[in-house]
Each structure stands twice: as structure tokens, then as C-alpha cells.
């Protein structure tokens, strides 16, 4: 199962880097997806929108210098020494626009999304498996992907570290996932998120029964 998941990530990355019209070619850069490596922290979705002039407030030239093509091959050791992402993600540098301090490189969860679904336990309903990959990672067809950035959900409507079930009204008309799953047309033209008041079994999935050891 893990091998199949990694193969899917690799195929997705190829689509991003090779197909014309992929999100990486959008004006302003678009999101850039790094699939990660087996046995390492999960994938990274880099958002130009979150880092650029309309987000954190950095000009393109801050990162894109004459040596920037090589920056994509920089590893964690180099980042810890202040290269590439490590130049700002040191736990001290403050963004010019938001005035927020960049998370340090040692805070893995600040950039790496979970490589597998996270399962959110419920009090009276079946648990909800949530896929960061499905909601965040861009695909070869931008109109069919989630297209969200980390900051669309964190810290609002969710803290980065989930503490208990999400706060959603019943029926799910506001709060939590219902902030986006409202059935309304999205301004960016991407597919409408079905309303959280319907299709309960799309999100609430009964846990699989334990495997039975049948002896002949």
C-alpha cells in the first residue's frame, strides 16, 4: 500500500514538472509540490501565494536569484546551514508583510504534510479520515484538484495540531469543514465542495473490522 502511495506521488510530481499548463507554470509561480522520499517526513506543498507580495510580503527576487534553479536540489543539511528555505526559516526572521516569525527548519510539521490520512475520532459518529494530499496537492488538471494552501485552514478554522473533534454545528452548516464544504461556487472556479449537511458517509467512514485468523 505504501509503495502504491509513493508511486502516485512520483507520478503527480512528474505531471507538475512536465505537463504544460500545470500549476507550477501559473502567473506568480502557483503551488509547487515536493513529493518527499520514502522513510522521510511527508510531502511539501510550497505556496508562492503564502510567501509572495500578497502573503508574507517577500518580493520574487528574494528567493529567485541567478542560482535559484539549483535551489530545488538543496537538502535539509544545507537548509540547516541557512541555504534556500533555511535563510528565513530560522525561528527568528520576521515576514515584512504579516510580521510573523518563520517557523524554524527543525519544526518538520510546519512544512511537511502528513503522508497518510489522519483519522479524526468522533464521539457519536464514525471517524473521519482526512487526506491533506487530496485537498492540497495540485494535479495536472488544476480545475479538478483541491487547490488549497495550508493557511486556508491553519490556524482558522483549525489549529495546526488538532485537539479533539472539529467544532461543527449539527447539522453541519458552519464551523470546521463546513467553512468550505458549503455547496457554494468557489471564486477560483475549482469544483464546488459538497455541503457537509449531505453525503455523511463520504466523510464518516466505519472502521474496518479486525482481520479474523481462520485456522483450517
C-alpha atoms as a PDB file:
ATOM      1  CA  UNK A   1       0.000   0.000   0.000  1.00  0.00           C
ATOM      2  CA  UNK A   2       2.821   2.391   0.901  1.00  0.00           C
ATOM      3  CA  UNK A   3       4.616   1.582  -2.368  1.00  0.00           C
ATOM      4  CA  UNK A   4       1.473   2.413  -4.335  1.00  0.00           C
ATOM      5  CA  UNK A   5       1.104   5.688  -2.450  1.00  0.00           C
ATOM      6  CA  UNK A   6       4.701   6.658  -3.204  1.00  0.00           C
ATOM      7  CA  UNK A   7       4.229   5.761  -6.866  1.00  0.00           C
ATOM      8  CA  UNK A   8       1.203   8.028  -7.009  1.00  0.00           C
ATOM      9  CA  UNK A   9       3.222  10.895  -5.526  1.00  0.00           C
ATOM     10  CA  UNK A  10       6.001  10.370  -8.054  1.00  0.00           C
ATOM     11  CA  UNK A  11       3.516  10.374 -10.949  1.00  0.00           C
ATOM     12  CA  UNK A  12       1.907  13.520  -9.590  1.00  0.00           C
ATOM     13  CA  UNK A  13       5.274  15.244  -9.384  1.00  0.00           C
ATOM     14  CA  UNK A  14       6.072  14.286 -12.990  1.00  0.00           C
ATOM     15  CA  UNK A  15       2.786  15.779 -14.136  1.00  0.00           C
ATOM     16  CA  UNK A  16       3.592  19.032 -12.365  1.00  0.00           C
ATOM     17  CA  UNK A  17       7.024  19.390 -13.862  1.00  0.00           C
ATOM     18  CA  UNK A  18       6.341  18.136 -17.394  1.00  0.00           C
ATOM     19  CA  UNK A  19       2.792  18.979 -18.399  1.00  0.00           C
ATOM     20  CA  UNK A  20       2.144  22.407 -19.955  1.00  0.00           C
ATOM     21  CA  UNK A  21      -0.336  24.481 -18.046  1.00  0.00           C
ATOM     22  CA  UNK A  22       0.417  22.806 -14.712  1.00  0.00           C
ATOM     23  CA  UNK A  23       0.001  24.950 -11.636  1.00  0.00           C
ATOM     24  CA  UNK A  24       3.739  25.393 -11.326  1.00  0.00           C
ATOM     25  CA  UNK A  25       3.547  27.498 -14.500  1.00  0.00           C
ATOM     26  CA  UNK A  26       0.809  29.854 -13.276  1.00  0.00           C
ATOM     27  CA  UNK A  27       1.487  33.559 -13.038  1.00  0.00           C
ATOM     28  CA  UNK A  28       3.203  34.180  -9.733  1.00  0.00           C
ATOM     29  CA  UNK A  29       4.513  30.616  -9.573  1.00  0.00           C
ATOM     30  CA  UNK A  30       1.491  28.784  -8.224  1.00  0.00           C
ATOM     31  CA  UNK A  31       1.954  25.990  -5.692  1.00  0.00           C
ATOM     32  CA  UNK A  32       4.994  23.742  -6.107  1.00  0.00           C
ATOM     33  CA  UNK A  33       4.742  20.155  -4.904  1.00  0.00           C
ATOM     34  CA  UNK A  34       7.685  18.205  -3.481  1.00  0.00           C
ATOM     35  CA  UNK A  35       6.712  14.530  -3.065  1.00  0.00           C
ATOM     36  CA  UNK A  36       9.331  13.675  -0.456  1.00  0.00           C
ATOM     37  CA  UNK A  37      11.239  10.423  -0.100  1.00  0.00           C
ATOM     38  CA  UNK A  38      10.340   7.022   1.389  1.00  0.00           C
ATOM     39  CA  UNK A  39      11.017   6.845   5.094  1.00  0.00           C
ATOM     40  CA  UNK A  40      11.290  10.630   5.377  1.00  0.00           C
ATOM     41  CA  UNK A  41       8.766  13.276   6.501  1.00  0.00           C
ATOM     42  CA  UNK A  42       5.713  13.674   4.253  1.00  0.00           C
ATOM     43  CA  UNK A  43       5.330  15.782   1.082  1.00  0.00           C
ATOM     44  CA  UNK A  44       5.736  19.556   0.991  1.00  0.00           C
ATOM     45  CA  UNK A  45       3.457  21.941  -0.852  1.00  0.00           C
ATOM     46  CA  UNK A  46       5.229  25.266  -1.318  1.00  0.00           C
ATOM     47  CA  UNK A  47       2.863  28.197  -1.777  1.00  0.00           C
ATOM     48  CA  UNK A  48       4.054  31.224  -3.736  1.00  0.00           C
ATOM     49  CA  UNK A  49       0.813  32.938  -2.672  1.00  0.00           C
ATOM     50  CA  UNK A  50       1.603  32.494   1.021  1.00  0.00           C
ATOM     51  CA  UNK A  51       5.206  33.672   0.657  1.00  0.00           C
ATOM     52  CA  UNK A  52       4.885  36.350  -2.041  1.00  0.00           C
ATOM     53  CA  UNK A  53       3.915  40.037  -2.032  1.00  0.00           C
ATOM     54  CA  UNK A  54       0.263  39.288  -1.221  1.00  0.00           C
ATOM     55  CA  UNK A  55       1.163  36.839   1.558  1.00  0.00           C
ATOM     56  CA  UNK A  56       4.201  37.089   3.798  1.00  0.00           C
ATOM     57  CA  UNK A  57       5.345  40.038   1.697  1.00  0.00           C
ATOM     58  CA  UNK A  58       8.529  38.838   0.021  1.00  0.00           C
ATOM     59  CA  UNK A  59       9.441  40.014  -3.470  1.00  0.00           C
ATOM     60  CA  UNK A  60      10.151  37.314  -6.041  1.00  0.00           C
ATOM     61  CA  UNK A  61      13.810  38.367  -6.159  1.00  0.00           C
ATOM     62  CA  UNK A  62      14.212  37.428  -2.502  1.00  0.00           C
ATOM     63  CA  UNK A  63      14.387  33.754  -3.487  1.00  0.00           C
ATOM     64  CA  UNK A  64      14.751  33.763  -7.262  1.00  0.00           C
ATOM     65  CA  UNK A  65      18.351  34.702  -7.928  1.00  0.00           C
ATOM     66  CA  UNK A  66      20.716  33.551 -10.632  1.00  0.00           C
ATOM     67  CA  UNK A  67      21.352  30.406  -8.594  1.00  0.00           C
ATOM     68  CA  UNK A  68      17.693  29.588  -7.896  1.00  0.00           C
ATOM     69  CA  UNK A  69      17.458  26.656 -10.378  1.00  0.00           C
ATOM     70  CA  UNK A  70      19.896  24.765  -8.175  1.00  0.00           C
ATOM     71  CA  UNK A  71      17.944  25.618  -5.018  1.00  0.00           C
ATOM     72  CA  UNK A  72      15.380  22.898  -5.693  1.00  0.00           C
ATOM     73  CA  UNK A  73      18.100  20.312  -5.159  1.00  0.00           C
ATOM     74  CA  UNK A  74      19.161  21.692  -1.786  1.00  0.00           C
ATOM     75  CA  UNK A  75      18.745  19.163   1.009  1.00  0.00           C
ATOM     76  CA  UNK A  76      17.938  19.538   4.682  1.00  0.00           C
ATOM     77  CA  UNK A  77      21.594  19.689   5.692  1.00  0.00           C
ATOM     78  CA  UNK A  78      22.098  22.766   3.524  1.00  0.00           C
ATOM     79  CA  UNK A  79      18.864  24.334   4.802  1.00  0.00           C
ATOM     80  CA  UNK A  80      20.049  23.897   8.386  1.00  0.00           C
ATOM     81  CA  UNK A  81      23.113  25.902   7.387  1.00  0.00           C
ATOM     82  CA  UNK A  82      20.924  28.771   6.175  1.00  0.00           C
ATOM     83  CA  UNK A  83      20.608  27.988   2.483  1.00  0.00           C
ATOM     84  CA  UNK A  84      17.365  28.158   0.448  1.00  0.00           C
ATOM     85  CA  UNK A  85      14.365  27.837   2.822  1.00  0.00           C
ATOM     86  CA  UNK A  86      16.728  27.914   5.794  1.00  0.00           C
ATOM     87  CA  UNK A  87      17.634  31.534   5.029  1.00  0.00           C
ATOM     88  CA  UNK A  88      14.306  32.645   6.519  1.00  0.00           C
ATOM     89  CA  UNK A  89      13.015  29.576   8.350  1.00  0.00           C
ATOM     90  CA  UNK A  90      15.292  30.057  11.328  1.00  0.00           C
ATOM     91  CA  UNK A  91      12.732  30.832  14.019  1.00  0.00           C
ATOM     92  CA  UNK A  92      13.863  34.474  14.092  1.00  0.00           C
ATOM     93  CA  UNK A  93      13.206  36.075  10.684  1.00  0.00           C
ATOM     94  CA  UNK A  94      10.019  38.158  10.569  1.00  0.00           C
ATOM     95  CA  UNK A  95       7.983  38.473   7.363  1.00  0.00           C
ATOM     96  CA  UNK A  96       7.770  42.056   6.073  1.00  0.00           C
ATOM     97  CA  UNK A  97       4.007  41.977   5.493  1.00  0.00           C
ATOM     98  CA  UNK A  98       2.490  39.713   8.133  1.00  0.00           C
ATOM     99  CA  UNK A  99       5.212  40.427  10.740  1.00  0.00           C
ATOM    100  CA  UNK A 100       5.055  36.748  11.696  1.00  0.00           C
ATOM    101  CA  UNK A 101       8.189  34.795  12.543  1.00  0.00           C
ATOM    102  CA  UNK A 102       9.017  31.965  10.145  1.00  0.00           C
ATOM    103  CA  UNK A 103       8.938  28.512  11.729  1.00  0.00           C
ATOM    104  CA  UNK A 104      12.409  27.024  12.215  1.00  0.00           C
ATOM    105  CA  UNK A 105      13.631  24.211   9.968  1.00  0.00           C
ATOM    106  CA  UNK A 106      13.560  21.815  12.924  1.00  0.00           C
ATOM    107  CA  UNK A 107       9.745  22.169  13.087  1.00  0.00           C
ATOM    108  CA  UNK A 108       9.044  19.484  10.470  1.00  0.00           C
ATOM    109  CA  UNK A 109       5.240  19.724  10.672  1.00  0.00           C
ATOM    110  CA  UNK A 110       5.370  23.400   9.672  1.00  0.00           C
ATOM    111  CA  UNK A 111       6.142  22.396   6.067  1.00  0.00           C
ATOM    112  CA  UNK A 112       5.674  18.632   5.706  1.00  0.00           C
ATOM    113  CA  UNK A 113       2.084  17.475   5.403  1.00  0.00           C
ATOM    114  CA  UNK A 114       1.160  14.016   6.712  1.00  0.00           C
ATOM    115  CA  UNK A 115       1.968  11.352   4.132  1.00  0.00           C
ATOM    116  CA  UNK A 116      -1.130   9.346   5.017  1.00  0.00           C
ATOM    117  CA  UNK A 117      -4.684  10.169   6.036  1.00  0.00           C
ATOM    118  CA  UNK A 118      -5.164  11.436   9.550  1.00  0.00           C
ATOM    119  CA  UNK A 119      -8.129   9.815  11.300  1.00  0.00           C
ATOM    120  CA  UNK A 120     -10.283  12.179  13.348  1.00  0.00           C
ATOM    121  CA  UNK A 121     -12.192  10.329  16.082  1.00  0.00           C
ATOM    122  CA  UNK A 122     -15.803  11.276  16.724  1.00  0.00           C
ATOM    123  CA  UNK A 123     -17.868  10.972  19.882  1.00  0.00           C
ATOM    124  CA  UNK A 124     -21.083   9.586  18.385  1.00  0.00           C
ATOM    125  CA  UNK A 125     -20.298   9.120  14.709  1.00  0.00           C
ATOM    126  CA  UNK A 126     -17.853   7.019  12.732  1.00  0.00           C
ATOM    127  CA  UNK A 127     -14.371   8.561  12.463  1.00  0.00           C
ATOM    128  CA  UNK A 128     -13.372  10.878   9.618  1.00  0.00           C
ATOM    129  CA  UNK A 129     -10.198  10.062   7.639  1.00  0.00           C
ATOM    130  CA  UNK A 130      -8.826  13.329   6.230  1.00  0.00           C
ATOM    131  CA  UNK A 131      -6.408  13.488   3.300  1.00  0.00           C
ATOM    132  CA  UNK A 132      -4.107  16.503   3.148  1.00  0.00           C
ATOM    133  CA  UNK A 133      -2.906  15.284  -0.229  1.00  0.00           C
ATOM    134  CA  UNK A 134      -6.395  15.397  -1.753  1.00  0.00           C
ATOM    135  CA  UNK A 135      -7.108  18.894  -0.507  1.00  0.00           C
ATOM    136  CA  UNK A 136      -3.707  20.482  -1.035  1.00  0.00           C
ATOM    137  CA  UNK A 137      -1.638  18.890  -3.755  1.00  0.00           C
ATOM    138  CA  UNK A 138      -2.181  20.310  -7.243  1.00  0.00           C
ATOM    139  CA  UNK A 139      -2.773  17.859 -10.060  1.00  0.00           C
ATOM    140  CA  UNK A 140      -2.236  18.005 -13.818  1.00  0.00           C
ATOM    141  CA  UNK A 141      -5.775  19.399 -14.201  1.00  0.00           C
ATOM    142  CA  UNK A 142      -5.997  22.462 -11.919  1.00  0.00           C
ATOM    143  CA  UNK A 143      -9.797  22.547 -12.166  1.00  0.00           C
ATOM    144  CA  UNK A 144     -10.059  19.074 -10.626  1.00  0.00           C
ATOM    145  CA  UNK A 145      -7.694  19.484  -7.665  1.00  0.00           C
ATOM    146  CA  UNK A 146      -8.350  20.839  -4.201  1.00  0.00           C
ATOM    147  CA  UNK A 147      -6.053  23.775  -4.776  1.00  0.00           C
ATOM    148  CA  UNK A 148      -5.906  24.884  -1.143  1.00  0.00           C
ATOM    149  CA  UNK A 149      -2.907  26.218   0.723  1.00  0.00           C
ATOM    150  CA  UNK A 150      -2.027  25.359   4.311  1.00  0.00           C
ATOM    151  CA  UNK A 151      -3.038  28.813   5.524  1.00  0.00           C
ATOM    152  CA  UNK A 152      -6.577  28.366   4.169  1.00  0.00           C
ATOM    153  CA  UNK A 153      -7.269  26.049   7.125  1.00  0.00           C
ATOM    154  CA  UNK A 154      -4.494  26.794   9.632  1.00  0.00           C
ATOM    155  CA  UNK A 155      -4.853  28.405  12.084  1.00  0.00           C
ATOM    156  CA  UNK A 156      -8.509  29.038  11.167  1.00  0.00           C
ATOM    157  CA  UNK A 157     -10.779  27.125  11.123  1.00  0.00           C
ATOM    158  CA  UNK A 158      -8.323  24.539  12.549  1.00  0.00           C
ATOM    159  CA  UNK A 159      -5.315  24.827  14.788  1.00  0.00           C
ATOM    160  CA  UNK A 160      -2.296  23.113  13.260  1.00  0.00           C
ATOM    161  CA  UNK A 161      -2.350  20.454  15.950  1.00  0.00           C
ATOM    162  CA  UNK A 162      -5.854  19.026  16.180  1.00  0.00           C
ATOM    163  CA  UNK A 163      -7.122  18.798  19.738  1.00  0.00           C
ATOM    164  CA  UNK A 164     -10.284  16.724  19.769  1.00  0.00           C
ATOM    165  CA  UNK A 165     -13.084  16.586  17.180  1.00  0.00           C
ATOM    166  CA  UNK A 166     -13.531  19.704  14.993  1.00  0.00           C
ATOM    167  CA  UNK A 167     -16.099  22.188  16.234  1.00  0.00           C
ATOM    168  CA  UNK A 168     -19.002  21.992  13.779  1.00  0.00           C
ATOM    169  CA  UNK A 169     -22.663  22.766  14.269  1.00  0.00           C
ATOM    170  CA  UNK A 170     -25.209  19.979  13.875  1.00  0.00           C
ATOM    171  CA  UNK A 171     -26.427  19.931  11.193  1.00  0.00           C
ATOM    172  CA  UNK A 172     -23.052  20.899   9.741  1.00  0.00           C
ATOM    173  CA  UNK A 173     -23.902  24.361   8.455  1.00  0.00           C
ATOM    174  CA  UNK A 174     -20.950  26.280   9.883  1.00  0.00           C
ATOM    175  CA  UNK A 175     -17.605  25.783  11.567  1.00  0.00           C
ATOM    176  CA  UNK A 176     -14.810  23.339  10.811  1.00  0.00           C
ATOM    177  CA  UNK A 177     -15.048  21.574   7.460  1.00  0.00           C
ATOM    178  CA  UNK A 178     -18.353  23.337   6.744  1.00  0.00           C
ATOM    179  CA  UNK A 179     -16.433  26.571   6.223  1.00  0.00           C
ATOM    180  CA  UNK A 180     -15.596  25.213   2.762  1.00  0.00           C
ATOM    181  CA  UNK A 181     -17.991  22.277   2.414  1.00  0.00           C
ATOM    182  CA  UNK A 182     -20.998  24.514   1.893  1.00  0.00           C
ATOM    183  CA  UNK A 183     -22.051  23.678  -1.673  1.00  0.00           C
ATOM    184  CA  UNK A 184     -21.305  27.192  -2.904  1.00  0.00           C
ATOM    185  CA  UNK A 185     -19.478  28.110  -6.101  1.00  0.00           C
ATOM    186  CA  UNK A 186     -15.812  28.892  -5.484  1.00  0.00           C
ATOM    187  CA  UNK A 187     -14.364  32.174  -6.661  1.00  0.00           C
ATOM    188  CA  UNK A 188     -11.348  30.406  -8.191  1.00  0.00           C
ATOM    189  CA  UNK A 189     -13.550  28.225 -10.430  1.00  0.00           C
ATOM    190  CA  UNK A 190     -12.495  24.926  -8.867  1.00  0.00           C
ATOM    191  CA  UNK A 191     -15.057  22.207  -8.152  1.00  0.00           C
ATOM    192  CA  UNK A 192     -17.713  23.013  -5.588  1.00  0.00           C
ATOM    193  CA  UNK A 193     -17.196  21.289  -2.233  1.00  0.00           C
ATOM    194  CA  UNK A 194     -20.328  19.300  -1.474  1.00  0.00           C
ATOM    195  CA  UNK A 195     -22.263  20.604   1.551  1.00  0.00           C
ATOM    196  CA  UNK A 196     -21.378  18.970   4.865  1.00  0.00           C
ATOM    197  CA  UNK A 197     -25.093  18.585   5.597  1.00  0.00           C
ATOM    198  CA  UNK A 198     -25.241  15.809   2.979  1.00  0.00           C
ATOM    199  CA  UNK A 199     -23.276  12.702   1.984  1.00  0.00           C
ATOM    200  CA  UNK A 200     -22.447  11.765   5.582  1.00  0.00           C
ATOM    201  CA  UNK A 201     -20.789   8.502   4.564  1.00  0.00           C
ATOM    202  CA  UNK A 202     -18.367  10.346   2.275  1.00  0.00           C
ATOM    203  CA  UNK A 203     -16.576  11.670   5.356  1.00  0.00           C
ATOM    204  CA  UNK A 204     -17.691   9.411   8.207  1.00  0.00           C
ATOM    205  CA  UNK A 205     -16.198   6.038   7.382  1.00  0.00           C
ATOM    206  CA  UNK A 206     -16.844   2.971   9.571  1.00  0.00           C
ATOM    207  CA  UNK A 207     -13.561   1.479  10.786  1.00  0.00           C
ATOM    208  CA  UNK A 208     -12.552  -1.771   9.148  1.00  0.00           C
ATOM    209  CA  UNK A 209     -13.299  -4.844  11.270  1.00  0.00           C
ATOM    210  CA  UNK A 210     -10.205  -6.597  12.627  1.00  0.00           C
ATOM    211  CA  UNK A 211      -8.878  -9.399  10.463  1.00  0.00           C
ATOM    212  CA  UNK A 212     -10.012 -12.826  11.541  1.00  0.00           C
ATOM    213  CA  UNK A 213      -7.475 -15.576  11.986  1.00  0.00           C
ATOM    214  CA  UNK A 214      -9.201 -18.577  10.445  1.00  0.00           C
ATOM    215  CA  UNK A 215      -7.385 -21.813  11.110  1.00  0.00           C
ATOM    216  CA  UNK A 216      -8.089 -24.818   8.943  1.00  0.00           C
END
